[in-house]
Amino acid sequence: MHFKTIAAFPQYSSALPSRRVGARILPAMACIAAALAAFPATAQPQTLPQPVPIATGNGPATPAAALPVAKTQGKLRYTCGGISVDESSAMRAAMKDHPLSLLFAAAGGAYLADVEVKLVPQGWGDAESLTFTASGPVCLLDLPAGSYEIEARSGDKEKRQTVMVGKDPKTVDFRF
């Protein structure tokens, strides 16, 4: 590669403060240009690795979505979430693995979060009730088999349902 000196381009020499400064800058610029031309691959953007798909056996593989962290209160272990589409799909897919699932929605079908939940065991003598705030529209509960009265409050509306938890998974819908 051959570069001409500044003297070969008199129309540009007036823009430089002096020929001596231009004579020092031009070789430096030539070195930079040569270095950039020699290593074009280093300017390639890097891409992040994509999620690894998992096979579910029910069709094409889908990316794995993590469930929110489970919380424990007494004999109750619960996970609430489902705000994003991926999290909601993961929560709904996991419903079959938990004895009780709760779903919260407005009358029109829009999902609700921040629902106050109280589980009152029935027929357990003086067993204490369990309370938590559902941080999303889907809650997965792991709790002992038995009968429970569930109270759910969203804003100024309250709903109650009784459910018998046993061997098969149950889902209770609350529409406010």
Protein backbone atom coordinates (compact mmCIF):
# COMPACT_ATOMS: atom_id res chain seq x y z
CA MET A 1 0.00 0.00 0.00
CA HIS A 2 1.42 3.40 -1.00
CA PHE A 3 0.47 6.75 0.51
CA LYS A 4 1.32 10.07 -1.08
CA THR A 5 2.74 12.87 1.00
CA ILE A 6 0.78 16.00 1.79
CA ALA A 7 2.76 17.85 -0.88
CA ALA A 8 0.96 15.81 -3.53
CA PHE A 9 -2.36 17.39 -2.43
CA PRO A 10 -1.81 21.16 -2.32
CA GLN A 11 -5.54 21.87 -1.96
CA TYR A 12 -5.49 20.31 1.54
CA SER A 13 -2.21 21.76 2.78
CA SER A 14 -3.80 25.08 3.76
CA ALA A 15 -6.02 23.30 6.32
CA LEU A 16 -2.98 22.14 8.28
CA PRO A 17 -1.27 24.49 10.74
CA SER A 18 2.11 23.81 9.15
CA ARG A 19 3.70 21.32 6.81
CA ARG A 20 5.81 20.00 9.67
CA VAL A 21 2.73 19.04 11.78
CA GLY A 22 1.03 17.53 8.73
CA ALA A 23 4.13 15.52 7.98
CA ARG A 24 3.93 13.96 11.47
CA ILE A 25 0.16 13.31 11.45
CA LEU A 26 -0.09 11.70 8.03
CA PRO A 27 2.28 8.78 8.77
CA ALA A 28 0.45 8.12 12.05
CA MET A 29 -2.89 8.05 10.23
CA ALA A 30 -1.40 5.72 7.63
CA CYS A 31 -0.29 3.33 10.38
CA ILE A 32 -3.78 3.33 11.92
CA ALA A 33 -5.41 2.69 8.54
CA ALA A 34 -3.01 -0.17 7.83
CA ALA A 35 -3.68 -1.72 11.24
CA LEU A 36 -7.45 -1.54 10.74
CA ALA A 37 -7.15 -3.07 7.28
CA ALA A 38 -4.97 -5.90 8.60
CA PHE A 39 -7.47 -6.99 11.30
CA PRO A 40 -11.03 -6.67 9.94
CA ALA A 41 -12.29 -9.67 11.95
CA THR A 42 -11.73 -7.97 15.29
CA ALA A 43 -14.45 -5.46 14.49
CA GLN A 44 -17.12 -8.19 14.25
CA PRO A 45 -19.93 -7.82 16.82
CA GLN A 46 -20.24 -10.68 19.28
CA THR A 47 -23.56 -12.40 19.80
CA LEU A 48 -24.82 -13.78 23.09
CA PRO A 49 -25.54 -17.49 23.36
CA GLN A 50 -29.18 -18.43 22.81
CA PRO A 51 -31.21 -20.38 25.40
CA VAL A 52 -30.93 -24.13 25.05
CA PRO A 53 -34.27 -25.62 24.00
CA ILE A 54 -35.68 -28.48 26.03
CA ALA A 55 -37.83 -31.27 24.72
CA THR A 56 -41.13 -31.64 26.52
CA GLY A 57 -42.45 -34.56 24.53
CA ASN A 58 -45.51 -32.53 23.50
CA GLY A 59 -44.21 -31.09 20.24
CA PRO A 60 -41.26 -28.93 19.26
CA ALA A 61 -38.64 -27.95 21.82
CA THR A 62 -39.16 -24.66 23.63
CA PRO A 63 -36.74 -22.50 25.65
CA ALA A 64 -36.75 -23.26 29.37
CA ALA A 65 -38.24 -20.56 31.60
CA ALA A 66 -37.34 -20.45 35.25
CA LEU A 67 -40.01 -20.43 37.93
CA PRO A 68 -39.88 -17.72 40.59
CA VAL A 69 -38.24 -18.62 43.91
CA ALA A 70 -40.47 -20.66 46.22
CA LYS A 71 -41.33 -19.35 49.69
CA THR A 72 -42.18 -21.33 52.81
CA GLN A 73 -44.63 -20.52 55.60
CA GLY A 74 -45.33 -23.24 58.15
CA LYS A 75 -46.37 -26.38 56.23
CA LEU A 76 -47.02 -24.33 53.08
CA ARG A 77 -44.51 -23.95 50.27
CA TYR A 78 -45.68 -21.66 47.49
CA THR A 79 -44.51 -19.95 44.32
CA CYS A 80 -46.38 -17.01 42.78
CA GLY A 81 -45.66 -15.33 39.48
CA GLY A 82 -46.69 -15.42 35.86
CA ILE A 83 -46.31 -11.73 35.01
CA SER A 84 -44.33 -12.24 31.77
CA VAL A 85 -45.48 -14.54 28.97
CA ASP A 86 -42.54 -16.92 29.49
CA GLU A 87 -43.02 -17.07 33.25
CA SER A 88 -46.78 -17.55 32.87
CA SER A 89 -46.22 -20.44 30.45
CA ALA A 90 -43.70 -22.04 32.82
CA MET A 91 -46.03 -21.63 35.80
CA ARG A 92 -48.99 -23.12 33.93
CA ALA A 93 -46.86 -26.05 32.75
CA ALA A 94 -45.80 -26.72 36.37
CA MET A 95 -49.38 -26.74 37.72
CA LYS A 96 -49.62 -30.51 37.26
CA ASP A 97 -46.70 -30.98 39.70
CA HIS A 98 -48.36 -29.18 42.65
CA PRO A 99 -51.37 -30.25 44.75
CA LEU A 100 -53.06 -26.84 44.49
CA SER A 101 -52.86 -23.97 42.02
CA LEU A 102 -54.58 -20.60 42.30
CA LEU A 103 -55.39 -18.30 39.38
CA PHE A 104 -56.35 -14.63 39.83
CA ALA A 105 -58.08 -12.52 37.17
CA ALA A 106 -60.41 -9.57 36.81
CA ALA A 107 -63.99 -10.17 35.65
CA GLY A 108 -62.94 -9.31 32.08
CA GLY A 109 -60.12 -11.88 32.13
CA ALA A 110 -57.09 -9.62 32.75
CA TYR A 111 -54.60 -11.23 35.11
CA LEU A 112 -54.25 -9.80 38.63
CA ALA A 113 -51.28 -9.57 40.99
CA ASP A 114 -50.89 -8.36 44.58
CA VAL A 115 -53.88 -10.43 45.72
CA GLU A 116 -54.02 -11.09 49.48
CA VAL A 117 -54.53 -14.81 50.13
CA LYS A 118 -55.51 -16.59 53.34
CA LEU A 119 -55.70 -20.39 53.60
CA VAL A 120 -57.66 -21.72 56.54
CA PRO A 121 -57.30 -25.48 57.16
CA GLN A 122 -60.70 -27.10 57.87
CA GLY A 123 -61.04 -29.79 60.54
CA TRP A 124 -57.50 -29.45 61.86
CA GLY A 125 -58.49 -28.29 65.32
CA ASP A 126 -56.58 -25.15 66.17
CA ALA A 127 -54.35 -25.17 63.07
CA GLU A 128 -53.35 -21.64 62.19
CA SER A 129 -54.24 -20.00 58.91
CA LEU A 130 -51.57 -19.24 56.33
CA THR A 131 -51.42 -15.84 54.65
CA PHE A 132 -49.40 -14.39 51.79
CA THR A 133 -49.63 -11.84 48.99
CA ALA A 134 -49.69 -13.32 45.49
CA SER A 135 -47.05 -11.45 43.49
CA GLY A 136 -48.52 -12.72 40.22
CA PRO A 137 -51.69 -14.20 38.75
CA VAL A 138 -50.59 -17.83 39.21
CA CYS A 139 -49.69 -19.46 42.54
CA LEU A 140 -48.42 -23.02 42.90
CA LEU A 141 -48.94 -24.45 46.40
CA ASP A 142 -47.40 -27.49 48.06
CA LEU A 143 -49.37 -28.27 51.21
CA PRO A 144 -50.67 -31.30 53.10
CA ALA A 145 -53.80 -33.06 51.88
CA GLY A 146 -57.01 -31.85 53.47
CA SER A 147 -59.82 -29.35 53.19
CA TYR A 148 -59.03 -25.63 52.99
CA GLU A 149 -61.09 -22.48 52.86
CA ILE A 150 -59.33 -19.97 50.62
CA GLU A 151 -60.00 -16.26 51.03
CA ALA A 152 -58.68 -13.96 48.32
CA ARG A 153 -58.87 -10.16 48.38
CA SER A 154 -58.13 -7.83 45.47
CA GLY A 155 -58.70 -4.18 46.31
CA ASP A 156 -62.07 -3.96 48.04
CA LYS A 157 -63.39 -7.26 46.62
CA GLU A 158 -63.17 -10.54 48.53
CA LYS A 159 -63.90 -14.08 47.31
CA ARG A 160 -64.03 -17.38 49.24
CA GLN A 161 -63.85 -20.94 48.03
CA THR A 162 -63.40 -24.28 49.77
CA VAL A 163 -61.23 -26.95 48.19
CA MET A 164 -60.29 -30.52 49.08
CA VAL A 165 -56.60 -31.13 48.35
CA GLY A 166 -55.70 -34.75 47.75
CA LYS A 167 -53.70 -36.90 45.39
CA ASP A 168 -54.73 -35.20 42.13
CA PRO A 169 -53.75 -31.58 41.39
CA LYS A 170 -56.55 -29.00 41.82
CA THR A 171 -56.90 -25.51 40.35
CA VAL A 172 -59.04 -22.78 41.90
CA ASP A 173 -59.94 -19.70 39.82
CA PHE A 174 -60.74 -16.38 41.45
CA ARG A 175 -62.48 -13.77 39.26
CA PHE A 176 -62.89 -10.30 40.75
